[in-house]
Amino acid sequence: MLASSKDLIDAFGTSDQKLVCQEILEKGEMQVSEQERVALHETVFRDIASIVAEKTVNPNNNLPYTITMIQNAMRQIQFSVNLSKSSKSQ
């Protein structure tokens, strides 16, 4: 489906298709489906828990905490994942 020249001029200020495509690529946002967003959220959540588990030990028995224990604790405190930041920076 193609837009008419009038629609392109109204939306982008030009009817030149190359300029319109360039503006879309530079300023546009990629739409992500709900399934992809959930999968990305779970991956980042798991990555954060993995990083924390690598760096912590239980002081009572000097054994490392498991990733599952860290994930459960993160859910319990309602840790929110910021998808715009890397796992390591969170």
C-alpha atoms as a PDB file:
ATOM      1  CA  MET A   1       0.000   0.000   0.000  1.00  0.00           C
ATOM      2  CA  LEU A   2       1.512   3.290  -1.061  1.00  0.00           C
ATOM      3  CA  ALA A   3       0.789   6.715   0.330  1.00  0.00           C
ATOM      4  CA  SER A   4      -0.250   9.487  -1.995  1.00  0.00           C
ATOM      5  CA  SER A   5       2.054  12.449  -2.589  1.00  0.00           C
ATOM      6  CA  LYS A   6      -0.316  14.634  -0.559  1.00  0.00           C
ATOM      7  CA  ASP A   7      -0.101  12.250   2.407  1.00  0.00           C
ATOM      8  CA  LEU A   8       3.699  12.208   2.208  1.00  0.00           C
ATOM      9  CA  ILE A   9       3.858  16.008   2.088  1.00  0.00           C
ATOM     10  CA  ASP A  10       1.458  16.275   5.048  1.00  0.00           C
ATOM     11  CA  ALA A  11       3.434  13.779   7.147  1.00  0.00           C
ATOM     12  CA  PHE A  12       7.032  14.460   6.104  1.00  0.00           C
ATOM     13  CA  GLY A  13       7.017  17.819   4.336  1.00  0.00           C
ATOM     14  CA  THR A  14       8.220  16.256   1.066  1.00  0.00           C
ATOM     15  CA  SER A  15       7.067  13.766  -1.515  1.00  0.00           C
ATOM     16  CA  ASP A  16      10.588  12.501  -2.278  1.00  0.00           C
ATOM     17  CA  GLN A  17      10.499   8.818  -1.347  1.00  0.00           C
ATOM     18  CA  LYS A  18      14.251   8.620  -0.648  1.00  0.00           C
ATOM     19  CA  LEU A  19      14.040  11.482   1.863  1.00  0.00           C
ATOM     20  CA  VAL A  20      10.960   9.938   3.459  1.00  0.00           C
ATOM     21  CA  CYS A  21      12.712   6.560   3.807  1.00  0.00           C
ATOM     22  CA  GLN A  22      15.816   8.220   5.243  1.00  0.00           C
ATOM     23  CA  GLU A  23      13.759  10.113   7.838  1.00  0.00           C
ATOM     24  CA  ILE A  24      11.902   6.945   8.830  1.00  0.00           C
ATOM     25  CA  LEU A  25      15.186   5.061   9.273  1.00  0.00           C
ATOM     26  CA  GLU A  26      16.784   7.880  11.283  1.00  0.00           C
ATOM     27  CA  LYS A  27      13.848   8.896  13.485  1.00  0.00           C
ATOM     28  CA  GLY A  28      11.480   5.933  13.415  1.00  0.00           C
ATOM     29  CA  GLU A  29      11.025   3.414  16.197  1.00  0.00           C
ATOM     30  CA  MET A  30      10.916  -0.307  15.677  1.00  0.00           C
ATOM     31  CA  GLN A  31       7.679  -1.918  16.780  1.00  0.00           C
ATOM     32  CA  VAL A  32       8.130  -5.014  18.906  1.00  0.00           C
ATOM     33  CA  SER A  33       5.414  -7.604  19.474  1.00  0.00           C
ATOM     34  CA  GLU A  34       4.228  -8.489  22.966  1.00  0.00           C
ATOM     35  CA  GLN A  35       5.875 -11.926  22.760  1.00  0.00           C
ATOM     36  CA  GLU A  36       9.228 -10.411  21.790  1.00  0.00           C
ATOM     37  CA  ARG A  37       8.967  -7.841  24.591  1.00  0.00           C
ATOM     38  CA  VAL A  38       8.172 -10.554  27.175  1.00  0.00           C
ATOM     39  CA  ALA A  39      11.028 -12.741  25.921  1.00  0.00           C
ATOM     40  CA  LEU A  40      13.460  -9.807  26.082  1.00  0.00           C
ATOM     41  CA  HIS A  41      12.243  -8.908  29.582  1.00  0.00           C
ATOM     42  CA  GLU A  42      12.764 -12.474  30.830  1.00  0.00           C
ATOM     43  CA  THR A  43      16.201 -12.666  29.216  1.00  0.00           C
ATOM     44  CA  VAL A  44      17.365  -9.413  30.813  1.00  0.00           C
ATOM     45  CA  PHE A  45      15.840 -10.455  34.165  1.00  0.00           C
ATOM     46  CA  ARG A  46      17.696 -13.790  33.998  1.00  0.00           C
ATOM     47  CA  ASP A  47      20.940 -12.058  32.962  1.00  0.00           C
ATOM     48  CA  ILE A  48      20.732  -9.680  35.926  1.00  0.00           C
ATOM     49  CA  ALA A  49      20.086 -12.578  38.310  1.00  0.00           C
ATOM     50  CA  SER A  50      23.035 -14.456  36.817  1.00  0.00           C
ATOM     51  CA  ILE A  51      25.361 -11.482  37.310  1.00  0.00           C
ATOM     52  CA  VAL A  52      24.230 -11.080  40.927  1.00  0.00           C
ATOM     53  CA  ALA A  53      24.599 -14.828  41.584  1.00  0.00           C
ATOM     54  CA  GLU A  54      28.179 -14.790  40.261  1.00  0.00           C
ATOM     55  CA  LYS A  55      29.153 -12.033  42.684  1.00  0.00           C
ATOM     56  CA  THR A  56      27.447 -13.138  45.903  1.00  0.00           C
ATOM     57  CA  VAL A  57      27.842 -15.896  48.473  1.00  0.00           C
ATOM     58  CA  ASN A  58      25.737 -16.964  51.409  1.00  0.00           C
ATOM     59  CA  PRO A  59      27.583 -15.724  54.527  1.00  0.00           C
ATOM     60  CA  ASN A  60      26.227 -18.614  56.633  1.00  0.00           C
ATOM     61  CA  ASN A  61      27.787 -21.421  54.596  1.00  0.00           C
ATOM     62  CA  ASN A  62      30.032 -19.627  52.053  1.00  0.00           C
ATOM     63  CA  LEU A  63      28.196 -21.274  49.160  1.00  0.00           C
ATOM     64  CA  PRO A  64      27.067 -19.217  46.167  1.00  0.00           C
ATOM     65  CA  TYR A  65      23.427 -18.249  45.848  1.00  0.00           C
ATOM     66  CA  THR A  66      21.636 -19.977  42.979  1.00  0.00           C
ATOM     67  CA  ILE A  67      20.184 -18.009  40.096  1.00  0.00           C
ATOM     68  CA  THR A  68      16.725 -19.271  41.059  1.00  0.00           C
ATOM     69  CA  MET A  69      17.123 -17.909  44.590  1.00  0.00           C
ATOM     70  CA  ILE A  70      18.205 -14.539  43.211  1.00  0.00           C
ATOM     71  CA  GLN A  71      15.289 -14.473  40.738  1.00  0.00           C
ATOM     72  CA  ASN A  72      12.805 -15.294  43.517  1.00  0.00           C
ATOM     73  CA  ALA A  73      14.248 -12.543  45.706  1.00  0.00           C
ATOM     74  CA  MET A  74      14.067 -10.078  42.795  1.00  0.00           C
ATOM     75  CA  ARG A  75      10.408 -10.983  42.217  1.00  0.00           C
ATOM     76  CA  GLN A  76       9.684 -10.679  45.933  1.00  0.00           C
ATOM     77  CA  ILE A  77      11.049  -7.128  46.096  1.00  0.00           C
ATOM     78  CA  GLN A  78       9.304  -6.384  42.775  1.00  0.00           C
ATOM     79  CA  PHE A  79      12.507  -5.474  40.963  1.00  0.00           C
ATOM     80  CA  SER A  80      11.659  -3.769  37.694  1.00  0.00           C
ATOM     81  CA  VAL A  81      13.814  -4.330  34.641  1.00  0.00           C
ATOM     82  CA  ASN A  82      14.699  -1.331  32.497  1.00  0.00           C
ATOM     83  CA  LEU A  83      14.963  -2.609  28.932  1.00  0.00           C
ATOM     84  CA  SER A  84      16.779   0.509  27.775  1.00  0.00           C
ATOM     85  CA  LYS A  85      19.744  -0.247  30.069  1.00  0.00           C
ATOM     86  CA  SER A  86      22.152  -3.146  29.848  1.00  0.00           C
ATOM     87  CA  SER A  87      21.908  -6.037  32.281  1.00  0.00           C
ATOM     88  CA  LYS A  88      25.281  -5.216  33.778  1.00  0.00           C
ATOM     89  CA  SER A  89      24.419  -1.581  34.524  1.00  0.00           C
ATOM     90  CA  GLN A  90      21.306  -2.539  36.471  1.00  0.00           C
END
